[in-house]
Amino acid sequence: MHALITGGAGFIGSHIAERLLREGYKVKVLDNLSTGKRENLVPCPGAELVVGDVRDDKLVREVARGCDVIFHEAAVVSVPFSVEHPQETHDVNIQGTLNVLHAARAEKTKRVVFACSAAVYGEDPELPKKESMAPLPVSPYGVEKITGEYYLHAWSQLYGVETVSLRYFNVFGPRQDPKSAYSGVISIFVDRALSGKPITIFGDGEQSRDFVFIGNVVDANIRAATTPGVSGRAYNVGCGTRTTLNELLQVLARITNRPLPPSYAEGRVGDIRHSLADISRARTELGYDPKVGLEEGLLALVNSLR
């Protein structure tokens, strides 16, 4: 089996590449290295890296040639950046996705697995988030992700390209750069805890998130690529549990065996108060079962950074 991973030198993409190589796939990575890093592919010595951009439609078609499956991870994932630069994120996140789908159709790729986001749910207060809920994105990034998902569904209906969309919740794990504008709260907290720097929580710390370890996310991707009869579907990828930021800090303090008193700052405008995934559809249809919980995943992340 041949696989293409767009954005494959990034945090999530490189972990997918590593797993695919272990399972005997031939792997090609397309990445412009704007946020991805060559060093992320050190554990993937068999992967072929093509430095390029998903906005280059001719290049995307070229690298898709001969591939059985495309994992489309390439994106600008910063919500604030999308607010400040909506045209640029549109070009990457919508046109780039369309280029991938054009290439899949032209090269007769069997399936495209798309990295979508819980951002499509916006500020709808209903919990847990179910795939049947109407999308209510409140940022250009969320709009771009649900647009990509709509394109995938249309491609599966019109052109015979099998597609699956995975709505990621708060992914964390090794290789997530805590100094990047795209990093999650866990990577920032762990970095500051290990370096002895103060930790700031914006708001009262009682906002909650569904944190999901990278190993679970990779498993969801493999299942989305290989499970028959799920084309055109969207699935939440989380753990189905939520943790407040105050609780997260308590767990981290226990793991690192050091006091981590937070300082609190004014909450950020647009921050969603609570997020929680209903993963019953993924469990039933993909056989997805997140095996690594928050504490075990945090321990793995801390050990990797130590």
Protein backbone atom coordinates (compact mmCIF):
# COMPACT_ATOMS: atom_id res chain seq x y z
CA MET A 1 0.00 0.00 0.00
CA HIS A 2 1.18 3.50 -0.88
CA ALA A 3 0.18 6.49 1.26
CA LEU A 4 0.61 10.24 0.86
CA ILE A 5 0.52 12.44 3.95
CA THR A 6 0.13 16.16 3.34
CA GLY A 7 1.59 18.09 6.25
CA GLY A 8 3.43 14.88 7.12
CA ALA A 9 6.40 16.63 8.74
CA GLY A 10 4.09 18.17 11.33
CA PHE A 11 3.07 16.95 14.76
CA ILE A 12 0.18 14.66 13.82
CA GLY A 13 1.32 13.83 10.29
CA SER A 14 4.73 12.54 11.38
CA HIS A 15 3.12 10.19 13.90
CA ILE A 16 0.83 8.84 11.16
CA ALA A 17 3.88 8.34 8.93
CA GLU A 18 5.72 6.44 11.67
CA ARG A 19 2.79 4.09 12.23
CA LEU A 20 2.23 3.46 8.52
CA LEU A 21 5.88 2.57 7.98
CA ARG A 22 5.70 0.09 10.86
CA GLU A 23 2.72 -1.51 9.16
CA GLY A 24 4.53 -1.91 5.86
CA TYR A 25 3.19 1.04 3.87
CA LYS A 26 5.30 3.02 1.42
CA VAL A 27 4.99 6.61 2.62
CA LYS A 28 5.37 9.92 0.81
CA VAL A 29 5.22 13.20 2.71
CA LEU A 30 4.31 16.59 1.21
CA ASP A 31 5.17 19.50 3.50
CA ASN A 32 6.26 23.11 2.92
CA LEU A 33 8.08 23.07 6.31
CA SER A 34 6.42 26.31 7.41
CA THR A 35 5.49 24.63 10.69
CA GLY A 36 6.54 21.04 10.01
CA LYS A 37 10.13 20.01 10.71
CA ARG A 38 12.53 17.61 9.08
CA GLU A 39 13.51 16.32 12.53
CA ASN A 40 9.94 15.12 13.08
CA LEU A 41 10.63 12.56 10.34
CA VAL A 42 13.79 11.18 11.97
CA PRO A 43 11.72 8.24 13.35
CA CYS A 44 10.43 7.69 9.77
CA PRO A 45 13.59 6.81 7.80
CA GLY A 46 11.62 5.14 5.00
CA ALA A 47 9.43 8.17 4.26
CA GLU A 48 10.05 10.20 1.10
CA LEU A 49 9.83 13.93 1.81
CA VAL A 50 8.71 16.26 -0.98
CA VAL A 51 9.06 19.91 0.03
CA GLY A 52 6.11 21.75 -1.46
CA ASP A 53 2.74 23.35 -0.85
CA VAL A 54 -0.81 22.01 -1.12
CA ARG A 55 -1.69 25.22 -2.95
CA ASP A 56 0.40 23.94 -5.88
CA ASP A 57 -2.22 21.85 -7.68
CA LYS A 58 0.21 20.35 -10.22
CA LEU A 59 2.60 19.23 -7.49
CA VAL A 60 -0.22 17.75 -5.41
CA ARG A 61 -1.36 15.67 -8.38
CA GLU A 62 2.21 14.56 -9.05
CA VAL A 63 2.85 13.35 -5.49
CA ALA A 64 -0.58 11.67 -5.33
CA ARG A 65 0.23 9.49 -8.34
CA GLY A 66 0.24 5.82 -7.38
CA CYS A 67 -1.10 6.40 -3.86
CA ASP A 68 -3.86 4.22 -2.46
CA VAL A 69 -4.75 6.61 0.36
CA ILE A 70 -4.12 10.28 1.17
CA PHE A 71 -4.05 11.55 4.75
CA HIS A 72 -4.71 15.28 4.36
CA GLU A 73 -3.19 16.92 7.44
CA ALA A 74 -1.76 20.07 5.83
CA ALA A 75 -3.47 23.22 7.12
CA VAL A 76 -3.06 26.52 8.86
CA VAL A 77 -4.54 25.56 12.22
CA SER A 78 -4.33 28.79 14.22
CA VAL A 79 -7.75 30.30 14.87
CA PRO A 80 -6.30 33.78 15.68
CA PHE A 81 -4.22 33.68 12.47
CA SER A 82 -7.33 32.83 10.47
CA VAL A 83 -9.10 35.83 11.99
CA GLU A 84 -6.22 38.14 11.01
CA HIS A 85 -5.45 36.51 7.64
CA PRO A 86 -8.65 34.92 6.33
CA GLN A 87 -7.58 34.99 2.67
CA GLU A 88 -4.34 33.10 3.33
CA THR A 89 -6.02 30.47 5.47
CA HIS A 90 -8.79 30.15 2.88
CA ASP A 91 -6.20 29.46 0.20
CA VAL A 92 -4.45 26.78 2.28
CA ASN A 93 -7.39 25.20 4.06
CA ILE A 94 -10.04 25.29 1.32
CA GLN A 95 -8.17 25.50 -1.99
CA GLY A 96 -5.50 23.14 -0.67
CA THR A 97 -8.16 20.60 0.26
CA LEU A 98 -9.81 21.00 -3.13
CA ASN A 99 -6.42 20.38 -4.80
CA VAL A 100 -6.04 17.15 -2.82
CA LEU A 101 -9.51 16.00 -3.89
CA HIS A 102 -8.84 16.90 -7.53
CA ALA A 103 -5.63 14.87 -7.38
CA ALA A 104 -7.35 11.91 -5.71
CA ARG A 105 -9.99 11.85 -8.42
CA ALA A 106 -7.51 12.20 -11.28
CA GLU A 107 -5.10 9.59 -9.92
CA LYS A 108 -7.83 7.17 -8.82
CA THR A 109 -6.81 7.25 -5.15
CA LYS A 110 -9.05 4.89 -3.20
CA ARG A 111 -9.61 7.04 -0.10
CA VAL A 112 -8.90 10.47 1.40
CA VAL A 113 -8.82 10.91 5.19
CA PHE A 114 -9.24 14.55 6.20
CA ALA A 115 -8.06 16.26 9.38
CA CYS A 116 -11.12 18.27 10.39
CA SER A 117 -11.66 19.96 13.76
CA ALA A 118 -14.03 20.37 16.68
CA ALA A 119 -13.92 24.06 15.73
CA VAL A 120 -16.80 23.33 13.35
CA TYR A 121 -19.15 23.17 16.39
CA GLY A 122 -18.34 26.74 17.41
CA GLU A 123 -19.95 28.00 20.61
CA ASP A 124 -22.99 25.73 20.64
CA PRO A 125 -23.32 25.02 24.39
CA GLU A 126 -24.81 21.54 23.92
CA LEU A 127 -22.59 18.76 25.31
CA PRO A 128 -21.32 16.33 24.27
CA LYS A 129 -20.70 17.38 20.68
CA LYS A 130 -22.36 14.99 18.23
CA GLU A 131 -21.68 14.73 14.53
CA SER A 132 -25.41 15.23 13.88
CA MET A 133 -25.31 18.77 15.36
CA ALA A 134 -25.53 21.68 12.94
CA PRO A 135 -22.08 23.23 12.44
CA LEU A 136 -21.85 26.75 13.89
CA PRO A 137 -18.25 27.87 13.31
CA VAL A 138 -17.29 31.25 14.73
CA SER A 139 -13.89 31.66 13.04
CA PRO A 140 -12.61 31.53 9.46
CA TYR A 141 -10.68 28.40 10.48
CA GLY A 142 -13.89 26.64 11.54
CA VAL A 143 -15.63 27.74 8.34
CA GLU A 144 -12.72 26.43 6.28
CA LYS A 145 -12.74 23.06 8.00
CA ILE A 146 -16.47 22.44 7.58
CA THR A 147 -16.19 23.59 3.96
CA GLY A 148 -13.49 20.99 3.41
CA GLU A 149 -15.73 18.39 4.98
CA TYR A 150 -18.61 19.34 2.66
CA TYR A 151 -16.30 19.00 -0.33
CA LEU A 152 -15.25 15.53 0.84
CA HIS A 153 -18.86 14.42 1.13
CA ALA A 154 -19.64 15.75 -2.35
CA TRP A 155 -16.59 13.99 -3.82
CA SER A 156 -17.72 10.70 -2.30
CA GLN A 157 -21.13 11.10 -3.88
CA LEU A 158 -20.14 12.48 -7.29
CA TYR A 159 -16.81 11.01 -8.24
CA GLY A 160 -16.41 7.71 -6.44
CA VAL A 161 -13.52 8.90 -4.25
CA GLU A 162 -13.98 7.42 -0.79
CA THR A 163 -13.60 10.08 1.91
CA VAL A 164 -13.62 10.17 5.71
CA SER A 165 -13.46 13.29 7.89
CA LEU A 166 -12.05 13.20 11.43
CA ARG A 167 -13.04 16.02 13.77
CA TYR A 168 -10.07 16.30 16.14
CA PHE A 169 -10.59 17.62 19.64
CA ASN A 170 -7.58 18.75 21.75
CA VAL A 171 -4.70 16.60 20.52
CA PHE A 172 -1.47 16.42 22.53
CA GLY A 173 1.72 14.39 22.64
CA PRO A 174 5.42 14.29 21.73
CA ARG A 175 6.61 16.51 18.83
CA GLN A 176 4.01 19.19 19.51
CA ASP A 177 6.05 22.39 19.59
CA PRO A 178 5.21 24.38 22.76
CA LYS A 179 6.76 27.52 21.29
CA SER A 180 4.59 27.49 18.20
CA ALA A 181 1.53 29.71 17.81
CA TYR A 182 -0.29 26.50 16.91
CA SER A 183 0.56 24.59 20.09
CA GLY A 184 -2.05 23.31 22.52
CA VAL A 185 -2.39 24.18 26.17
CA ILE A 186 -0.89 20.88 27.33
CA SER A 187 2.38 21.31 25.43
CA ILE A 188 2.68 24.85 26.81
CA PHE A 189 1.95 23.75 30.40
CA VAL A 190 4.43 20.85 30.23
CA ASP A 191 7.17 22.99 28.72
CA ARG A 192 6.78 25.64 31.40
CA ALA A 193 6.53 23.08 34.19
CA LEU A 194 9.77 21.36 33.18
CA SER A 195 11.62 24.63 32.71
CA GLY A 196 10.44 26.04 36.04
CA LYS A 197 8.60 28.95 34.46
CA PRO A 198 5.28 30.30 35.79
CA ILE A 199 2.08 28.94 34.29
CA THR A 200 -0.71 31.33 33.36
CA ILE A 201 -4.33 30.25 33.04
CA PHE A 202 -6.60 32.62 31.14
CA GLY A 203 -9.92 32.75 33.00
CA ASP A 204 -10.80 30.86 36.15
CA GLY A 205 -9.39 27.50 35.02
CA GLU A 206 -12.76 25.80 35.14
CA GLN A 207 -13.09 25.75 31.35
CA SER A 208 -12.84 22.16 30.16
CA ARG A 209 -11.52 20.31 27.13
CA ASP A 210 -11.56 16.79 25.71
CA PHE A 211 -7.82 16.05 25.55
CA VAL A 212 -6.83 13.18 23.26
CA PHE A 213 -3.36 11.62 23.06
CA ILE A 214 -1.66 11.45 19.68
CA GLY A 215 -1.57 7.63 19.70
CA ASN A 216 -5.36 7.54 19.81
CA VAL A 217 -5.56 10.00 16.93
CA VAL A 218 -3.21 7.91 14.80
CA ASP A 219 -5.32 4.84 15.48
CA ALA A 220 -8.44 6.72 14.37
CA ASN A 221 -6.69 7.68 11.13
CA ILE A 222 -5.64 4.12 10.35
CA ARG A 223 -9.17 2.89 11.00
CA ALA A 224 -10.65 5.69 8.87
CA ALA A 225 -8.36 4.65 6.03
CA THR A 226 -9.10 0.93 6.18
CA THR A 227 -12.66 0.41 7.43
CA PRO A 228 -15.05 -0.46 4.60
CA GLY A 229 -18.46 1.15 4.17
CA VAL A 230 -17.78 4.49 5.89
CA SER A 231 -17.18 6.77 2.91
CA GLY A 232 -18.69 10.24 3.18
CA ARG A 233 -18.88 10.07 6.98
CA ALA A 234 -17.51 12.39 9.69
CA TYR A 235 -16.30 11.22 13.11
CA ASN A 236 -15.35 12.91 16.36
CA VAL A 237 -11.88 11.99 17.60
CA GLY A 238 -11.53 12.59 21.32
CA CYS A 239 -11.68 10.51 24.49
CA GLY A 240 -15.25 11.25 25.52
CA THR A 241 -14.12 12.80 28.82
CA ARG A 242 -13.45 16.40 29.76
CA THR A 243 -10.85 17.90 32.07
CA THR A 244 -10.71 21.43 33.45
CA LEU A 245 -7.46 23.36 33.16
CA ASN A 246 -7.22 23.40 36.97
CA GLU A 247 -7.50 19.60 37.02
CA LEU A 248 -4.95 19.33 34.21
CA LEU A 249 -2.45 21.31 36.26
CA GLN A 250 -3.03 19.08 39.30
CA VAL A 251 -2.31 15.95 37.26
CA LEU A 252 0.81 17.54 35.79
CA ALA A 253 2.05 18.54 39.24
CA ARG A 254 1.66 14.94 40.38
CA ILE A 255 3.51 13.56 37.36
CA THR A 256 6.41 16.03 37.59
CA ASN A 257 6.46 15.85 41.40
CA ARG A 258 6.70 19.60 41.78
CA PRO A 259 4.30 22.36 42.89
CA LEU A 260 2.75 24.20 39.97
CA PRO A 261 0.80 27.15 41.34
CA PRO A 262 -0.92 28.95 38.47
CA SER A 263 -1.43 32.63 37.97
CA TYR A 264 -4.78 33.66 36.54
CA ALA A 265 -5.31 36.26 33.86
CA GLU A 266 -8.35 37.71 32.18
CA GLY A 267 -10.14 35.21 29.95
CA ARG A 268 -9.56 35.46 26.23
CA VAL A 269 -12.32 36.69 23.95
CA GLY A 270 -13.79 33.89 21.86
CA ASP A 271 -12.54 31.08 24.11
CA ILE A 272 -15.08 28.25 24.19
CA ARG A 273 -16.05 27.40 27.76
CA HIS A 274 -16.48 23.63 27.47
CA SER A 275 -15.75 20.99 24.86
CA LEU A 276 -16.55 17.28 24.95
CA ALA A 277 -16.76 14.71 22.17
CA ASP A 278 -19.42 12.06 21.76
CA ILE A 279 -17.29 9.27 20.25
CA SER A 280 -20.04 6.65 20.03
CA ARG A 281 -20.23 6.84 16.22
CA ALA A 282 -16.47 6.29 15.88
CA ARG A 283 -16.62 3.42 18.38
CA THR A 284 -19.47 1.72 16.56
CA GLU A 285 -18.49 2.28 12.93
CA LEU A 286 -14.69 2.45 13.05
CA GLY A 287 -13.99 0.32 16.10
CA TYR A 288 -12.16 3.32 17.57
CA ASP A 289 -11.30 2.83 21.24
CA PRO A 290 -8.96 5.43 22.80
CA LYS A 291 -6.56 3.33 24.81
CA VAL A 292 -4.32 6.07 26.25
CA GLY A 293 -5.92 8.34 28.82
CA LEU A 294 -4.88 11.82 29.93
CA GLU A 295 -2.49 10.86 32.74
CA GLU A 296 -0.72 8.11 30.77
CA GLY A 297 -0.41 10.42 27.77
CA LEU A 298 0.91 13.27 29.92
CA LEU A 299 3.51 10.94 31.40
CA ALA A 300 4.64 9.89 27.90
CA LEU A 301 4.92 13.55 26.86
CA VAL A 302 6.87 14.54 29.98
CA ASN A 303 9.26 11.59 29.56
CA SER A 304 9.86 12.45 25.90
CA LEU A 305 10.80 16.03 26.82
CA ARG A 306 13.01 14.98 29.73
